[in-house]
Amino acid sequence: MSEKIKVPYAVWTVGDEEHKLKLKTSSIKDLEVKYKQNLLNLMGSPTGAGMPPLATMLDLTHVAMKEFHSGLKPKEVDDIFDKYIDEGGSQLDFYMNVYMKIFTVSGFFSETLAESMDKTLEEAKQTL
């Protein structure tokens, strides 16, 4: 039986740049205080019907990126997102391919649940 290796971070590729993303415990706690709720409440649904506001998604993304990109400003994340859109991305693509992956690599789900969520996201992509 092959052993699965846990992915240490999510990657958001925009242009020729790869941006690493992952929330650490201290960041999760800070975001929970800021939003006054558990971050699972900020996930939304895999079909995008209950997708969080873009401001929330980019705020959480900024925090996840700061772990690897020291000194990164929120405006820089906005600019990266604008480039992502200019290259053909969309908010729904971002939600399914970047935002939800942050939760997966940040330990919000068991390995089994993460695999199930990946499958659900893949199925949702095919229906859109």
N, C-alpha and C. Protein backbone atom coordinates (compact mmCIF):
# COMPACT_ATOMS: atom_id res chain seq x y z
N MET A 1 0.85 -1.18 0.00
CA MET A 1 0.00 0.00 0.00
C MET A 1 0.89 1.24 0.00
N SER A 2 0.58 2.19 -0.89
CA SER A 2 1.40 3.40 -0.95
C SER A 2 0.95 4.38 0.12
N GLU A 3 1.93 5.06 0.67
CA GLU A 3 1.66 6.02 1.73
C GLU A 3 1.45 7.39 1.11
N LYS A 4 0.37 8.07 1.52
CA LYS A 4 0.08 9.39 0.99
C LYS A 4 0.88 10.43 1.76
N ILE A 5 1.35 11.43 1.03
CA ILE A 5 2.12 12.50 1.65
C ILE A 5 1.22 13.72 1.72
N LYS A 6 1.11 14.30 2.92
CA LYS A 6 0.29 15.49 3.11
C LYS A 6 0.95 16.68 2.42
N VAL A 7 0.17 17.40 1.67
CA VAL A 7 0.66 18.58 0.97
C VAL A 7 0.88 19.68 2.02
N PRO A 8 2.09 20.28 2.05
CA PRO A 8 2.40 21.25 3.09
C PRO A 8 1.76 22.63 2.91
N TYR A 9 1.35 22.96 1.69
CA TYR A 9 0.74 24.26 1.42
C TYR A 9 0.01 24.21 0.09
N ALA A 10 -0.91 25.14 -0.09
CA ALA A 10 -1.59 25.28 -1.38
C ALA A 10 -0.74 26.20 -2.25
N VAL A 11 -0.94 26.12 -3.55
CA VAL A 11 -0.21 26.98 -4.48
C VAL A 11 -1.22 27.69 -5.38
N TRP A 12 -1.07 29.00 -5.48
CA TRP A 12 -1.88 29.82 -6.38
C TRP A 12 -0.93 30.35 -7.45
N THR A 13 -1.06 29.85 -8.65
CA THR A 13 -0.19 30.26 -9.74
C THR A 13 -0.88 31.35 -10.55
N VAL A 14 -0.20 32.47 -10.66
CA VAL A 14 -0.69 33.60 -11.45
C VAL A 14 0.48 34.06 -12.31
N GLY A 15 0.27 34.01 -13.61
CA GLY A 15 1.37 34.31 -14.52
C GLY A 15 2.43 33.24 -14.34
N ASP A 16 3.66 33.68 -14.17
CA ASP A 16 4.74 32.72 -13.95
C ASP A 16 5.15 32.66 -12.47
N GLU A 17 4.31 33.21 -11.61
CA GLU A 17 4.62 33.21 -10.17
C GLU A 17 3.74 32.22 -9.42
N GLU A 18 4.37 31.49 -8.51
CA GLU A 18 3.65 30.59 -7.63
C GLU A 18 3.63 31.20 -6.24
N HIS A 19 2.44 31.29 -5.68
CA HIS A 19 2.26 31.86 -4.35
C HIS A 19 1.84 30.73 -3.40
N LYS A 20 2.62 30.52 -2.35
CA LYS A 20 2.32 29.48 -1.38
C LYS A 20 1.32 30.03 -0.37
N LEU A 21 0.41 29.15 0.10
CA LEU A 21 -0.63 29.56 1.03
C LEU A 21 -0.86 28.50 2.10
N LYS A 22 -0.96 28.94 3.34
CA LYS A 22 -1.34 28.06 4.44
C LYS A 22 -1.58 28.93 5.67
N LEU A 23 -2.62 28.56 6.41
CA LEU A 23 -2.91 29.27 7.66
C LEU A 23 -2.28 28.52 8.83
N LYS A 24 -1.57 29.25 9.65
CA LYS A 24 -1.03 28.67 10.89
C LYS A 24 -2.05 28.90 11.99
N THR A 25 -1.88 28.20 13.09
CA THR A 25 -2.83 28.29 14.20
C THR A 25 -3.01 29.73 14.68
N SER A 26 -1.92 30.46 14.84
CA SER A 26 -2.02 31.84 15.31
C SER A 26 -2.83 32.70 14.34
N SER A 27 -2.66 32.46 13.05
CA SER A 27 -3.42 33.21 12.04
C SER A 27 -4.90 32.85 12.07
N ILE A 28 -5.18 31.57 12.26
CA ILE A 28 -6.57 31.13 12.36
C ILE A 28 -7.25 31.80 13.54
N LYS A 29 -6.55 31.82 14.68
CA LYS A 29 -7.11 32.46 15.88
C LYS A 29 -7.37 33.95 15.63
N ASP A 30 -6.43 34.63 15.00
CA ASP A 30 -6.59 36.06 14.71
C ASP A 30 -7.79 36.31 13.78
N LEU A 31 -7.93 35.46 12.75
CA LEU A 31 -9.06 35.62 11.83
C LEU A 31 -10.39 35.32 12.52
N GLU A 32 -10.42 34.34 13.42
CA GLU A 32 -11.65 34.04 14.16
C GLU A 32 -12.06 35.22 15.04
N VAL A 33 -11.08 35.88 15.63
CA VAL A 33 -11.38 37.07 16.44
C VAL A 33 -11.90 38.18 15.54
N LYS A 34 -11.25 38.40 14.42
CA LYS A 34 -11.65 39.46 13.49
C LYS A 34 -13.08 39.25 12.97
N TYR A 35 -13.39 38.01 12.56
CA TYR A 35 -14.70 37.71 11.98
C TYR A 35 -15.73 37.26 13.01
N LYS A 36 -15.30 37.10 14.25
CA LYS A 36 -16.20 36.72 15.36
C LYS A 36 -16.94 35.41 15.08
N GLN A 37 -16.22 34.46 14.47
CA GLN A 37 -16.81 33.15 14.18
C GLN A 37 -15.72 32.18 13.77
N ASN A 38 -16.08 30.92 13.77
CA ASN A 38 -15.19 29.87 13.32
C ASN A 38 -14.98 30.03 11.81
N LEU A 39 -13.76 29.80 11.35
CA LEU A 39 -13.49 29.99 9.93
C LEU A 39 -14.26 29.03 9.04
N LEU A 40 -14.69 27.90 9.57
CA LEU A 40 -15.50 26.98 8.77
C LEU A 40 -16.78 27.67 8.27
N ASN A 41 -17.26 28.65 9.03
CA ASN A 41 -18.44 29.40 8.62
C ASN A 41 -18.16 30.29 7.41
N LEU A 42 -16.88 30.53 7.13
CA LEU A 42 -16.51 31.40 6.00
C LEU A 42 -16.20 30.60 4.73
N MET A 43 -16.41 29.29 4.79
CA MET A 43 -16.10 28.46 3.63
C MET A 43 -17.11 28.60 2.51
N GLY A 44 -18.38 28.57 2.80
CA GLY A 44 -19.38 28.57 1.75
C GLY A 44 -19.60 27.15 1.24
N SER A 45 -20.27 27.03 0.09
CA SER A 45 -20.58 25.71 -0.46
C SER A 45 -19.73 25.44 -1.70
N PRO A 46 -19.43 24.16 -1.98
CA PRO A 46 -18.58 23.82 -3.13
C PRO A 46 -19.14 24.24 -4.49
N THR A 47 -20.43 24.50 -4.59
CA THR A 47 -21.00 24.92 -5.87
C THR A 47 -20.90 26.42 -6.07
N GLY A 48 -20.48 27.15 -5.04
CA GLY A 48 -20.35 28.59 -5.15
C GLY A 48 -21.63 29.33 -4.80
N ALA A 49 -22.72 28.60 -4.55
CA ALA A 49 -23.99 29.25 -4.23
C ALA A 49 -23.89 30.04 -2.93
N GLY A 50 -23.13 29.55 -1.99
CA GLY A 50 -22.95 30.24 -0.72
C GLY A 50 -21.54 30.77 -0.59
N MET A 51 -20.98 31.21 -1.71
CA MET A 51 -19.60 31.66 -1.74
C MET A 51 -19.44 32.92 -0.88
N PRO A 52 -18.35 32.97 -0.08
CA PRO A 52 -18.12 34.16 0.74
C PRO A 52 -17.84 35.39 -0.13
N PRO A 53 -17.98 36.58 0.45
CA PRO A 53 -17.65 37.79 -0.31
C PRO A 53 -16.18 37.76 -0.74
N LEU A 54 -15.89 38.38 -1.86
CA LEU A 54 -14.52 38.44 -2.36
C LEU A 54 -13.58 39.07 -1.32
N ALA A 55 -14.05 40.10 -0.63
CA ALA A 55 -13.21 40.76 0.38
C ALA A 55 -12.77 39.76 1.45
N THR A 56 -13.67 38.91 1.87
CA THR A 56 -13.34 37.90 2.88
C THR A 56 -12.35 36.89 2.32
N MET A 57 -12.60 36.41 1.10
CA MET A 57 -11.70 35.42 0.50
C MET A 57 -10.30 35.99 0.32
N LEU A 58 -10.19 37.23 -0.12
CA LEU A 58 -8.87 37.82 -0.34
C LEU A 58 -8.19 38.16 0.98
N ASP A 59 -8.96 38.52 2.00
CA ASP A 59 -8.38 38.77 3.32
C ASP A 59 -7.76 37.49 3.88
N LEU A 60 -8.51 36.40 3.82
CA LEU A 60 -8.00 35.12 4.29
C LEU A 60 -6.79 34.68 3.45
N THR A 61 -6.85 34.91 2.15
CA THR A 61 -5.74 34.57 1.26
C THR A 61 -4.49 35.38 1.62
N HIS A 62 -4.69 36.65 1.89
CA HIS A 62 -3.57 37.51 2.29
C HIS A 62 -2.88 36.95 3.53
N VAL A 63 -3.66 36.59 4.52
CA VAL A 63 -3.10 36.03 5.75
C VAL A 63 -2.36 34.73 5.46
N ALA A 64 -2.94 33.88 4.62
CA ALA A 64 -2.31 32.60 4.27
C ALA A 64 -1.02 32.81 3.48
N MET A 65 -0.96 33.84 2.66
CA MET A 65 0.24 34.12 1.87
C MET A 65 1.35 34.73 2.72
N LYS A 66 0.99 35.50 3.74
CA LYS A 66 1.99 36.17 4.57
C LYS A 66 2.92 35.18 5.25
N GLU A 67 2.45 33.95 5.45
CA GLU A 67 3.29 32.94 6.09
C GLU A 67 4.54 32.66 5.25
N PHE A 68 4.44 32.85 3.94
CA PHE A 68 5.54 32.55 3.02
C PHE A 68 6.09 33.78 2.32
N HIS A 69 5.33 34.86 2.33
CA HIS A 69 5.70 36.07 1.60
C HIS A 69 5.70 37.24 2.59
N SER A 70 6.75 37.35 3.36
CA SER A 70 6.86 38.35 4.42
C SER A 70 6.68 39.77 3.87
N GLY A 71 5.94 40.57 4.61
CA GLY A 71 5.75 41.96 4.24
C GLY A 71 4.70 42.20 3.17
N LEU A 72 4.01 41.15 2.75
CA LEU A 72 2.99 41.27 1.72
C LEU A 72 1.83 42.14 2.22
N LYS A 73 1.40 43.07 1.40
CA LYS A 73 0.31 43.98 1.74
C LYS A 73 -0.99 43.51 1.09
N PRO A 74 -2.14 43.81 1.73
CA PRO A 74 -3.43 43.43 1.14
C PRO A 74 -3.60 43.95 -0.29
N LYS A 75 -3.14 45.15 -0.57
CA LYS A 75 -3.25 45.73 -1.92
C LYS A 75 -2.51 44.86 -2.93
N GLU A 76 -1.40 44.26 -2.52
CA GLU A 76 -0.64 43.39 -3.43
C GLU A 76 -1.45 42.14 -3.78
N VAL A 77 -2.19 41.63 -2.81
CA VAL A 77 -3.05 40.46 -3.07
C VAL A 77 -4.17 40.86 -4.04
N ASP A 78 -4.73 42.06 -3.85
CA ASP A 78 -5.74 42.56 -4.79
C ASP A 78 -5.16 42.63 -6.20
N ASP A 79 -3.93 43.11 -6.33
CA ASP A 79 -3.29 43.22 -7.64
C ASP A 79 -3.05 41.84 -8.26
N ILE A 80 -2.65 40.89 -7.43
CA ILE A 80 -2.45 39.52 -7.92
C ILE A 80 -3.79 38.95 -8.40
N PHE A 81 -4.84 39.21 -7.64
CA PHE A 81 -6.16 38.73 -8.04
C PHE A 81 -6.60 39.38 -9.36
N ASP A 82 -6.35 40.69 -9.51
CA ASP A 82 -6.68 41.37 -10.77
C ASP A 82 -5.95 40.71 -11.94
N LYS A 83 -4.69 40.37 -11.75
CA LYS A 83 -3.92 39.70 -12.80
C LYS A 83 -4.52 38.32 -13.08
N TYR A 84 -4.92 37.62 -12.03
CA TYR A 84 -5.56 36.31 -12.16
C TYR A 84 -6.82 36.42 -13.03
N ILE A 85 -7.62 37.45 -12.77
CA ILE A 85 -8.84 37.68 -13.55
C ILE A 85 -8.47 38.01 -15.00
N ASP A 86 -7.47 38.88 -15.18
CA ASP A 86 -7.04 39.26 -16.54
C ASP A 86 -6.55 38.06 -17.34
N GLU A 87 -6.04 37.04 -16.63
CA GLU A 87 -5.53 35.84 -17.30
C GLU A 87 -6.63 34.80 -17.52
N GLY A 88 -7.88 35.17 -17.22
CA GLY A 88 -9.00 34.27 -17.50
C GLY A 88 -9.60 33.59 -16.29
N GLY A 89 -9.09 33.89 -15.11
CA GLY A 89 -9.66 33.33 -13.89
C GLY A 89 -10.99 34.00 -13.56
N SER A 90 -11.68 33.46 -12.58
CA SER A 90 -12.95 34.05 -12.13
C SER A 90 -13.04 33.89 -10.62
N GLN A 91 -14.00 34.57 -10.02
CA GLN A 91 -14.18 34.42 -8.58
C GLN A 91 -14.52 32.98 -8.22
N LEU A 92 -15.36 32.34 -9.02
CA LEU A 92 -15.74 30.96 -8.73
C LEU A 92 -14.54 30.02 -8.87
N ASP A 93 -13.73 30.22 -9.91
CA ASP A 93 -12.51 29.42 -10.06
C ASP A 93 -11.59 29.62 -8.86
N PHE A 94 -11.44 30.87 -8.45
CA PHE A 94 -10.58 31.19 -7.30
C PHE A 94 -11.10 30.48 -6.05
N TYR A 95 -12.40 30.55 -5.86
CA TYR A 95 -13.01 29.91 -4.69
C TYR A 95 -12.72 28.41 -4.67
N MET A 96 -12.93 27.76 -5.81
CA MET A 96 -12.79 26.30 -5.85
C MET A 96 -11.34 25.84 -5.90
N ASN A 97 -10.46 26.59 -6.58
CA ASN A 97 -9.10 26.13 -6.80
C ASN A 97 -8.05 26.70 -5.86
N VAL A 98 -8.39 27.77 -5.17
CA VAL A 98 -7.42 28.41 -4.27
C VAL A 98 -7.96 28.47 -2.85
N TYR A 99 -9.07 29.17 -2.69
CA TYR A 99 -9.63 29.42 -1.36
C TYR A 99 -9.90 28.12 -0.59
N MET A 100 -10.60 27.19 -1.22
CA MET A 100 -10.92 25.94 -0.54
C MET A 100 -9.67 25.10 -0.25
N LYS A 101 -8.66 25.22 -1.10
CA LYS A 101 -7.41 24.48 -0.87
C LYS A 101 -6.68 25.00 0.37
N ILE A 102 -6.84 26.29 0.66
CA ILE A 102 -6.23 26.85 1.87
C ILE A 102 -6.77 26.12 3.10
N PHE A 103 -8.07 25.90 3.15
CA PHE A 103 -8.67 25.19 4.27
C PHE A 103 -8.15 23.75 4.35
N THR A 104 -8.02 23.13 3.20
CA THR A 104 -7.58 21.74 3.17
C THR A 104 -6.16 21.59 3.73
N VAL A 105 -5.23 22.41 3.28
CA VAL A 105 -3.84 22.28 3.73
C VAL A 105 -3.62 22.83 5.14
N SER A 106 -4.57 23.60 5.63
CA SER A 106 -4.42 24.22 6.95
C SER A 106 -5.01 23.37 8.08
N GLY A 107 -5.39 22.14 7.76
CA GLY A 107 -5.80 21.19 8.79
C GLY A 107 -7.24 21.27 9.24
N PHE A 108 -8.11 21.83 8.43
CA PHE A 108 -9.51 21.92 8.81
C PHE A 108 -10.26 20.60 8.62
N PHE A 109 -9.69 19.69 7.83
CA PHE A 109 -10.38 18.44 7.52
C PHE A 109 -9.44 17.26 7.74
N SER A 110 -10.03 16.12 8.05
CA SER A 110 -9.25 14.89 8.08
C SER A 110 -8.84 14.56 6.66
N GLU A 111 -7.88 13.68 6.50
CA GLU A 111 -7.42 13.30 5.17
C GLU A 111 -8.56 12.72 4.33
N THR A 112 -9.39 11.89 4.97
CA THR A 112 -10.52 11.28 4.26
C THR A 112 -11.51 12.34 3.81
N LEU A 113 -11.83 13.27 4.70
CA LEU A 113 -12.77 14.33 4.35
C LEU A 113 -12.18 15.24 3.28
N ALA A 114 -10.88 15.52 3.37
CA ALA A 114 -10.23 16.36 2.36
C ALA A 114 -10.32 15.71 0.99
N GLU A 115 -10.10 14.41 0.92
CA GLU A 115 -10.21 13.69 -0.35
C GLU A 115 -11.64 13.75 -0.88
N SER A 116 -12.60 13.60 0.02
CA SER A 116 -14.01 13.67 -0.37
C SER A 116 -14.35 15.07 -0.89
N MET A 117 -13.84 16.09 -0.21
CA MET A 117 -14.09 17.47 -0.65
C MET A 117 -13.46 17.73 -2.02
N ASP A 118 -12.23 17.23 -2.22
CA ASP A 118 -11.59 17.40 -3.53
C ASP A 118 -12.44 16.78 -4.63
N LYS A 119 -12.99 15.61 -4.34
CA LYS A 119 -13.85 14.93 -5.32
C LYS A 119 -15.11 15.76 -5.59
N THR A 120 -15.71 16.29 -4.52
CA THR A 120 -16.91 17.12 -4.67
C THR A 120 -16.61 18.37 -5.48
N LEU A 121 -15.46 19.00 -5.21
CA LEU A 121 -15.07 20.20 -5.96
C LEU A 121 -14.85 19.87 -7.43
N GLU A 122 -14.21 18.74 -7.71
CA GLU A 122 -14.00 18.33 -9.09
C GLU A 122 -15.33 18.10 -9.81
N GLU A 123 -16.28 17.45 -9.11
CA GLU A 123 -17.60 17.23 -9.70
C GLU A 123 -18.32 18.54 -9.93
N ALA A 124 -18.20 19.47 -8.99
CA ALA A 124 -18.85 20.77 -9.14
C ALA A 124 -18.25 21.52 -10.34
N LYS A 125 -16.94 21.43 -10.54
CA LYS A 125 -16.29 22.10 -11.67
C LYS A 125 -16.85 21.60 -13.00
N GLN A 126 -17.14 20.31 -13.05
CA GLN A 126 -17.60 19.72 -14.30
C GLN A 126 -19.04 20.10 -14.63
N THR A 127 -19.81 20.51 -13.63
CA THR A 127 -21.20 20.89 -13.89
C THR A 127 -21.33 22.36 -14.22
N LEU A 128 -20.26 23.12 -14.04
CA LEU A 128 -20.33 24.56 -14.30
C LEU A 128 -19.98 24.89 -15.72
